Amino acid sequence: MLAAVAALPLPTATAQQIYRCVDARGRVTLTDQPCPKKPAPKAVAPAPLDVTDARAQPAFLGRILAVARNANLADAEFVEKALAVRLVRTPGDLGDRYALTPASAYAATEFSYLVDKPQAAGEKMRWTLAFRVDQERACIRPDVVTGALGESYHEFDFGPTARPDVGARLRRIVYVFPAVERGPLVLAVTFERRREFCVDLVGLEQLER
């Protein structure tokens, strides 16, 4: 029995390794050389959205909803990814302001994003992000907003100190998203009547607990 075992051929260190390689066209080749490394995928710039196109409006609102659901408006990197934009930071006395790069601007909108600096020890910080829509170029209707953001909102009461015409001219609906570490994130959509009610301002605000 021992002799039989000793007679079995032993594996040699000179056995060649065979590589199975697939090229860009899906063709398979077998070779004794390592497969060539695939080039790293190129970074794709986020597609800008033109809200003058009604088909793009739900996607625009969906990106804002993704920010609100994250409930951390202080996370500028997340805001950038969720909105699929590139941001440029400008430090200032009041805080850090972020602007959209030209390549990722939203047509027919103005963008503002501010991270406050506390002015005194223990003072809370506030974060605000807003899109103002040019109604001469784009009308986002209330049903488009609620279709994208949901029906769980409440009507904003402008209060007795508001001018008498404000209630007739404006309508504002408010969504509230909870946060664990910071205060709740409030998403408010303000509509203005021109020929009909259209979105004038979409704003998010968060105050540190």
C-alpha atoms as a PDB file:
ATOM      1  CA  MET A   1       0.000   0.000   0.000  1.00  0.00           C
ATOM      2  CA  LEU A   2       2.794   2.401   0.873  1.00  0.00           C
ATOM      3  CA  ALA A   3       4.572   1.647  -2.381  1.00  0.00           C
ATOM      4  CA  ALA A   4       1.408   2.370  -4.341  1.00  0.00           C
ATOM      5  CA  VAL A   5       1.000   5.727  -2.686  1.00  0.00           C
ATOM      6  CA  ALA A   6       4.602   6.634  -3.306  1.00  0.00           C
ATOM      7  CA  ALA A   7       4.210   5.861  -6.981  1.00  0.00           C
ATOM      8  CA  LEU A   8       1.514   8.520  -7.510  1.00  0.00           C
ATOM      9  CA  PRO A   9       2.771  11.541  -9.476  1.00  0.00           C
ATOM     10  CA  LEU A  10       3.326  14.636  -7.361  1.00  0.00           C
ATOM     11  CA  PRO A  11       2.106  18.065  -8.468  1.00  0.00           C
ATOM     12  CA  THR A  12       4.885  20.134  -9.962  1.00  0.00           C
ATOM     13  CA  ALA A  13       5.575  23.781  -9.327  1.00  0.00           C
ATOM     14  CA  THR A  14       6.010  24.357 -13.049  1.00  0.00           C
ATOM     15  CA  ALA A  15       2.321  23.795 -13.961  1.00  0.00           C
ATOM     16  CA  GLN A  16       1.082  26.853 -15.874  1.00  0.00           C
ATOM     17  CA  GLN A  17      -1.930  28.871 -14.695  1.00  0.00           C
ATOM     18  CA  ILE A  18      -4.567  29.507 -17.312  1.00  0.00           C
ATOM     19  CA  TYR A  19      -6.444  32.796 -17.286  1.00  0.00           C
ATOM     20  CA  ARG A  20      -9.919  33.234 -18.747  1.00  0.00           C
ATOM     21  CA  CYS A  21     -10.187  36.767 -20.078  1.00  0.00           C
ATOM     22  CA  VAL A  22     -13.197  38.619 -21.474  1.00  0.00           C
ATOM     23  CA  ASP A  23     -12.623  41.638 -23.705  1.00  0.00           C
ATOM     24  CA  ALA A  24     -14.837  44.702 -24.109  1.00  0.00           C
ATOM     25  CA  ARG A  25     -16.866  42.937 -26.805  1.00  0.00           C
ATOM     26  CA  GLY A  26     -17.551  39.947 -24.567  1.00  0.00           C
ATOM     27  CA  ARG A  27     -15.143  37.599 -26.387  1.00  0.00           C
ATOM     28  CA  VAL A  28     -13.499  34.976 -24.172  1.00  0.00           C
ATOM     29  CA  THR A  29      -9.854  33.974 -24.558  1.00  0.00           C
ATOM     30  CA  LEU A  30      -7.690  31.557 -22.579  1.00  0.00           C
ATOM     31  CA  THR A  31      -4.116  32.624 -21.981  1.00  0.00           C
ATOM     32  CA  ASP A  32      -1.152  31.958 -19.740  1.00  0.00           C
ATOM     33  CA  GLN A  33      -0.791  35.720 -19.142  1.00  0.00           C
ATOM     34  CA  PRO A  34      -2.842  37.685 -16.600  1.00  0.00           C
ATOM     35  CA  CYS A  35      -5.841  39.458 -18.103  1.00  0.00           C
ATOM     36  CA  PRO A  36      -5.290  43.139 -18.868  1.00  0.00           C
ATOM     37  CA  LYS A  37      -6.747  45.419 -16.223  1.00  0.00           C
ATOM     38  CA  LYS A  38      -9.983  47.132 -17.117  1.00  0.00           C
ATOM     39  CA  PRO A  39      -9.739  50.925 -17.222  1.00  0.00           C
ATOM     40  CA  ALA A  40     -11.443  52.667 -14.329  1.00  0.00           C
ATOM     41  CA  PRO A  41     -14.876  53.985 -15.296  1.00  0.00           C
ATOM     42  CA  LYS A  42     -14.919  57.669 -16.045  1.00  0.00           C
ATOM     43  CA  ALA A  43     -16.838  59.874 -13.632  1.00  0.00           C
ATOM     44  CA  VAL A  44     -20.123  60.891 -15.213  1.00  0.00           C
ATOM     45  CA  ALA A  45     -21.235  64.446 -14.563  1.00  0.00           C
ATOM     46  CA  PRO A  46     -24.747  64.650 -13.097  1.00  0.00           C
ATOM     47  CA  ALA A  47     -27.371  65.483 -15.654  1.00  0.00           C
ATOM     48  CA  PRO A  48     -28.765  68.993 -15.190  1.00  0.00           C
ATOM     49  CA  LEU A  49     -32.545  69.223 -15.051  1.00  0.00           C
ATOM     50  CA  ASP A  50     -34.613  71.739 -16.976  1.00  0.00           C
ATOM     51  CA  VAL A  51     -37.787  72.310 -14.954  1.00  0.00           C
ATOM     52  CA  THR A  52     -39.341  74.069 -17.931  1.00  0.00           C
ATOM     53  CA  ASP A  53     -39.834  70.514 -19.195  1.00  0.00           C
ATOM     54  CA  ALA A  54     -42.784  69.056 -17.265  1.00  0.00           C
ATOM     55  CA  ARG A  55     -41.314  65.570 -17.655  1.00  0.00           C
ATOM     56  CA  ALA A  56     -38.266  66.630 -15.603  1.00  0.00           C
ATOM     57  CA  GLN A  57     -40.214  68.204 -12.748  1.00  0.00           C
ATOM     58  CA  PRO A  58     -40.944  64.970 -10.781  1.00  0.00           C
ATOM     59  CA  ALA A  59     -37.236  64.088 -10.900  1.00  0.00           C
ATOM     60  CA  PHE A  60     -36.359  67.592  -9.672  1.00  0.00           C
ATOM     61  CA  LEU A  61     -38.775  67.272  -6.744  1.00  0.00           C
ATOM     62  CA  GLY A  62     -37.603  63.712  -6.097  1.00  0.00           C
ATOM     63  CA  ARG A  63     -34.046  64.941  -5.607  1.00  0.00           C
ATOM     64  CA  ILE A  64     -35.252  67.510  -3.078  1.00  0.00           C
ATOM     65  CA  LEU A  65     -37.251  64.806  -1.301  1.00  0.00           C
ATOM     66  CA  ALA A  66     -34.107  62.671  -1.021  1.00  0.00           C
ATOM     67  CA  VAL A  67     -32.403  65.539   0.817  1.00  0.00           C
ATOM     68  CA  ALA A  68     -35.375  66.003   3.147  1.00  0.00           C
ATOM     69  CA  ARG A  69     -35.591  62.312   3.989  1.00  0.00           C
ATOM     70  CA  ASN A  70     -31.922  62.275   4.926  1.00  0.00           C
ATOM     71  CA  ALA A  71     -32.838  64.909   7.536  1.00  0.00           C
ATOM     72  CA  ASN A  72     -29.309  66.309   7.716  1.00  0.00           C
ATOM     73  CA  LEU A  73     -29.074  69.530   5.787  1.00  0.00           C
ATOM     74  CA  ALA A  74     -25.632  70.168   7.274  1.00  0.00           C
ATOM     75  CA  ASP A  75     -24.221  67.321   5.178  1.00  0.00           C
ATOM     76  CA  ALA A  76     -23.204  69.327   2.109  1.00  0.00           C
ATOM     77  CA  GLU A  77     -21.627  66.297   0.457  1.00  0.00           C
ATOM     78  CA  PHE A  78     -24.890  64.366   0.718  1.00  0.00           C
ATOM     79  CA  VAL A  79     -26.854  67.357  -0.569  1.00  0.00           C
ATOM     80  CA  GLU A  80     -24.560  67.490  -3.573  1.00  0.00           C
ATOM     81  CA  LYS A  81     -25.039  63.792  -4.334  1.00  0.00           C
ATOM     82  CA  ALA A  82     -28.790  63.773  -3.715  1.00  0.00           C
ATOM     83  CA  LEU A  83     -29.396  66.752  -5.974  1.00  0.00           C
ATOM     84  CA  ALA A  84     -26.961  65.332  -8.553  1.00  0.00           C
ATOM     85  CA  VAL A  85     -25.086  68.618  -8.750  1.00  0.00           C
ATOM     86  CA  ARG A  86     -21.623  69.993  -8.165  1.00  0.00           C
ATOM     87  CA  LEU A  87     -21.336  72.643  -5.465  1.00  0.00           C
ATOM     88  CA  VAL A  88     -18.776  75.381  -4.922  1.00  0.00           C
ATOM     89  CA  ARG A  89     -18.251  76.487  -1.308  1.00  0.00           C
ATOM     90  CA  THR A  90     -17.622  80.127  -0.412  1.00  0.00           C
ATOM     91  CA  PRO A  91     -16.813  80.886   3.244  1.00  0.00           C
ATOM     92  CA  GLY A  92     -18.241  84.086   4.685  1.00  0.00           C
ATOM     93  CA  ASP A  93     -18.866  85.951   7.931  1.00  0.00           C
ATOM     94  CA  LEU A  94     -22.424  84.625   8.175  1.00  0.00           C
ATOM     95  CA  GLY A  95     -21.517  81.099   7.192  1.00  0.00           C
ATOM     96  CA  ASP A  96     -20.624  78.912   4.264  1.00  0.00           C
ATOM     97  CA  ARG A  97     -22.537  79.513   1.062  1.00  0.00           C
ATOM     98  CA  TYR A  98     -22.738  76.928  -1.697  1.00  0.00           C
ATOM     99  CA  ALA A  99     -23.447  77.681  -5.345  1.00  0.00           C
ATOM    100  CA  LEU A 100     -24.156  75.392  -8.283  1.00  0.00           C
ATOM    101  CA  THR A 101     -21.456  75.028 -10.899  1.00  0.00           C
ATOM    102  CA  PRO A 102     -22.562  76.145 -14.386  1.00  0.00           C
ATOM    103  CA  ALA A 103     -22.460  72.556 -15.653  1.00  0.00           C
ATOM    104  CA  SER A 104     -25.038  71.409 -13.095  1.00  0.00           C
ATOM    105  CA  ALA A 105     -27.356  74.401 -12.927  1.00  0.00           C
ATOM    106  CA  TYR A 106     -31.117  73.917 -12.910  1.00  0.00           C
ATOM    107  CA  ALA A 107     -32.659  75.910 -15.732  1.00  0.00           C
ATOM    108  CA  ALA A 108     -35.398  78.400 -14.769  1.00  0.00           C
ATOM    109  CA  THR A 109     -34.419  78.336 -11.084  1.00  0.00           C
ATOM    110  CA  GLU A 110     -32.316  80.260  -8.604  1.00  0.00           C
ATOM    111  CA  PHE A 111     -30.423  78.243  -6.003  1.00  0.00           C
ATOM    112  CA  SER A 112     -29.278  79.172  -2.508  1.00  0.00           C
ATOM    113  CA  TYR A 113     -27.720  77.045   0.228  1.00  0.00           C
ATOM    114  CA  LEU A 114     -26.350  78.489   3.458  1.00  0.00           C
ATOM    115  CA  VAL A 115     -24.789  76.914   6.531  1.00  0.00           C
ATOM    116  CA  ASP A 116     -24.884  79.471   9.356  1.00  0.00           C
ATOM    117  CA  LYS A 117     -22.020  80.135  11.686  1.00  0.00           C
ATOM    118  CA  PRO A 118     -22.978  80.471  15.365  1.00  0.00           C
ATOM    119  CA  GLN A 119     -22.332  84.048  16.414  1.00  0.00           C
ATOM    120  CA  ALA A 120     -21.953  83.308  20.136  1.00  0.00           C
ATOM    121  CA  ALA A 121     -21.005  80.395  22.368  1.00  0.00           C
ATOM    122  CA  GLY A 122     -23.842  77.899  22.549  1.00  0.00           C
ATOM    123  CA  GLU A 123     -25.803  79.555  19.736  1.00  0.00           C
ATOM    124  CA  LYS A 124     -27.596  77.108  17.496  1.00  0.00           C
ATOM    125  CA  MET A 125     -26.773  76.681  13.831  1.00  0.00           C
ATOM    126  CA  ARG A 126     -29.265  76.925  10.999  1.00  0.00           C
ATOM    127  CA  TRP A 127     -29.128  75.422   7.524  1.00  0.00           C
ATOM    128  CA  THR A 128     -31.272  76.610   4.638  1.00  0.00           C
ATOM    129  CA  LEU A 129     -31.563  75.447   1.049  1.00  0.00           C
ATOM    130  CA  ALA A 130     -33.970  76.874  -1.504  1.00  0.00           C
ATOM    131  CA  PHE A 131     -34.908  76.830  -5.163  1.00  0.00           C
ATOM    132  CA  ARG A 132     -36.865  79.768  -6.553  1.00  0.00           C
ATOM    133  CA  VAL A 133     -38.687  78.942  -9.773  1.00  0.00           C
ATOM    134  CA  ASP A 134     -39.016  81.456 -12.599  1.00  0.00           C
ATOM    135  CA  GLN A 135     -42.727  81.206 -13.310  1.00  0.00           C
ATOM    136  CA  GLU A 136     -42.384  83.074 -16.581  1.00  0.00           C
ATOM    137  CA  ARG A 137     -40.493  80.021 -17.840  1.00  0.00           C
ATOM    138  CA  ALA A 138     -41.797  77.115 -15.756  1.00  0.00           C
ATOM    139  CA  CYS A 139     -44.998  76.227 -13.928  1.00  0.00           C
ATOM    140  CA  ILE A 140     -44.846  73.350 -11.444  1.00  0.00           C
ATOM    141  CA  ARG A 141     -48.446  72.658 -10.464  1.00  0.00           C
ATOM    142  CA  PRO A 142     -49.597  71.630  -6.970  1.00  0.00           C
ATOM    143  CA  ASP A 143     -50.635  68.153  -8.152  1.00  0.00           C
ATOM    144  CA  VAL A 144     -47.116  67.577  -9.510  1.00  0.00           C
ATOM    145  CA  VAL A 145     -45.682  68.559  -6.114  1.00  0.00           C
ATOM    146  CA  THR A 146     -47.956  66.310  -4.064  1.00  0.00           C
ATOM    147  CA  GLY A 147     -47.469  63.508  -6.578  1.00  0.00           C
ATOM    148  CA  ALA A 148     -43.717  63.639  -5.953  1.00  0.00           C
ATOM    149  CA  LEU A 149     -43.591  64.664  -2.282  1.00  0.00           C
ATOM    150  CA  GLY A 150     -46.739  62.963  -0.973  1.00  0.00           C
ATOM    151  CA  GLU A 151     -50.045  63.974   0.553  1.00  0.00           C
ATOM    152  CA  SER A 152     -48.832  64.137   4.196  1.00  0.00           C
ATOM    153  CA  TYR A 153     -48.461  67.900   4.468  1.00  0.00           C
ATOM    154  CA  HIS A 154     -50.192  70.698   6.316  1.00  0.00           C
ATOM    155  CA  GLU A 155     -51.295  74.102   5.115  1.00  0.00           C
ATOM    156  CA  PHE A 156     -49.221  77.006   6.364  1.00  0.00           C
ATOM    157  CA  ASP A 157     -51.144  79.735   8.164  1.00  0.00           C
ATOM    158  CA  PHE A 158     -49.760  83.141   7.222  1.00  0.00           C
ATOM    159  CA  GLY A 159     -51.328  84.560  10.387  1.00  0.00           C
ATOM    160  CA  PRO A 160     -53.229  87.739  11.203  1.00  0.00           C
ATOM    161  CA  THR A 161     -50.215  90.001  10.694  1.00  0.00           C
ATOM    162  CA  ALA A 162     -49.877  89.097   7.002  1.00  0.00           C
ATOM    163  CA  ARG A 163     -51.071  91.561   4.403  1.00  0.00           C
ATOM    164  CA  PRO A 164     -54.698  90.941   3.364  1.00  0.00           C
ATOM    165  CA  ASP A 165     -53.726  89.968  -0.169  1.00  0.00           C
ATOM    166  CA  VAL A 166     -51.123  87.364   0.847  1.00  0.00           C
ATOM    167  CA  GLY A 167     -53.595  84.545   1.439  1.00  0.00           C
ATOM    168  CA  ALA A 168     -55.274  85.189  -1.916  1.00  0.00           C
ATOM    169  CA  ARG A 169     -51.983  85.434  -3.781  1.00  0.00           C
ATOM    170  CA  LEU A 170     -49.922  82.714  -2.082  1.00  0.00           C
ATOM    171  CA  ARG A 171     -50.378  79.182  -0.829  1.00  0.00           C
ATOM    172  CA  ARG A 172     -47.768  77.283   1.191  1.00  0.00           C
ATOM    173  CA  ILE A 173     -47.710  73.609   2.109  1.00  0.00           C
ATOM    174  CA  VAL A 174     -45.275  72.190   4.659  1.00  0.00           C
ATOM    175  CA  TYR A 175     -43.693  68.766   5.129  1.00  0.00           C
ATOM    176  CA  VAL A 176     -41.740  67.841   8.277  1.00  0.00           C
ATOM    177  CA  PHE A 177     -39.067  65.130   8.380  1.00  0.00           C
ATOM    178  CA  PRO A 178     -37.676  63.869  11.718  1.00  0.00           C
ATOM    179  CA  ALA A 179     -33.993  63.875  12.573  1.00  0.00           C
ATOM    180  CA  VAL A 180     -32.087  61.947  15.216  1.00  0.00           C
ATOM    181  CA  GLU A 181     -29.138  64.237  15.904  1.00  0.00           C
ATOM    182  CA  ARG A 182     -30.500  67.562  14.693  1.00  0.00           C
ATOM    183  CA  GLY A 183     -33.863  69.221  14.716  1.00  0.00           C
ATOM    184  CA  PRO A 184     -36.538  68.228  12.211  1.00  0.00           C
ATOM    185  CA  LEU A 185     -36.033  69.278   8.625  1.00  0.00           C
ATOM    186  CA  VAL A 186     -38.888  71.379   7.238  1.00  0.00           C
ATOM    187  CA  LEU A 187     -39.677  71.346   3.531  1.00  0.00           C
ATOM    188  CA  ALA A 188     -41.996  74.156   2.455  1.00  0.00           C
ATOM    189  CA  VAL A 189     -43.398  74.712  -1.018  1.00  0.00           C
ATOM    190  CA  THR A 190     -44.837  78.133  -1.784  1.00  0.00           C
ATOM    191  CA  PHE A 191     -47.170  78.599  -4.724  1.00  0.00           C
ATOM    192  CA  GLU A 192     -47.950  81.945  -6.324  1.00  0.00           C
ATOM    193  CA  ARG A 193     -50.949  82.744  -8.471  1.00  0.00           C
ATOM    194  CA  ARG A 194     -50.163  84.109 -11.897  1.00  0.00           C
ATOM    195  CA  ARG A 195     -52.486  82.573 -14.449  1.00  0.00           C
ATOM    196  CA  GLU A 196     -52.755  79.648 -12.029  1.00  0.00           C
ATOM    197  CA  PHE A 197     -50.982  78.444  -8.908  1.00  0.00           C
ATOM    198  CA  CYS A 198     -47.396  77.527  -9.715  1.00  0.00           C
ATOM    199  CA  VAL A 199     -44.392  76.798  -7.511  1.00  0.00           C
ATOM    200  CA  ASP A 200     -42.572  79.974  -6.596  1.00  0.00           C
ATOM    201  CA  LEU A 201     -40.222  78.682  -3.906  1.00  0.00           C
ATOM    202  CA  VAL A 202     -39.127  75.260  -2.623  1.00  0.00           C
ATOM    203  CA  GLY A 203     -37.255  75.692   0.631  1.00  0.00           C
ATOM    204  CA  LEU A 204     -35.694  73.410   3.223  1.00  0.00           C
ATOM    205  CA  GLU A 205     -34.704  74.603   6.670  1.00  0.00           C
ATOM    206  CA  GLN A 206     -33.163  72.935   9.695  1.00  0.00           C
ATOM    207  CA  LEU A 207     -32.227  74.315  13.096  1.00  0.00           C
ATOM    208  CA  GLU A 208     -29.793  72.503  15.343  1.00  0.00           C
ATOM    209  CA  ARG A 209     -31.372  71.094  18.499  1.00  0.00           C
END
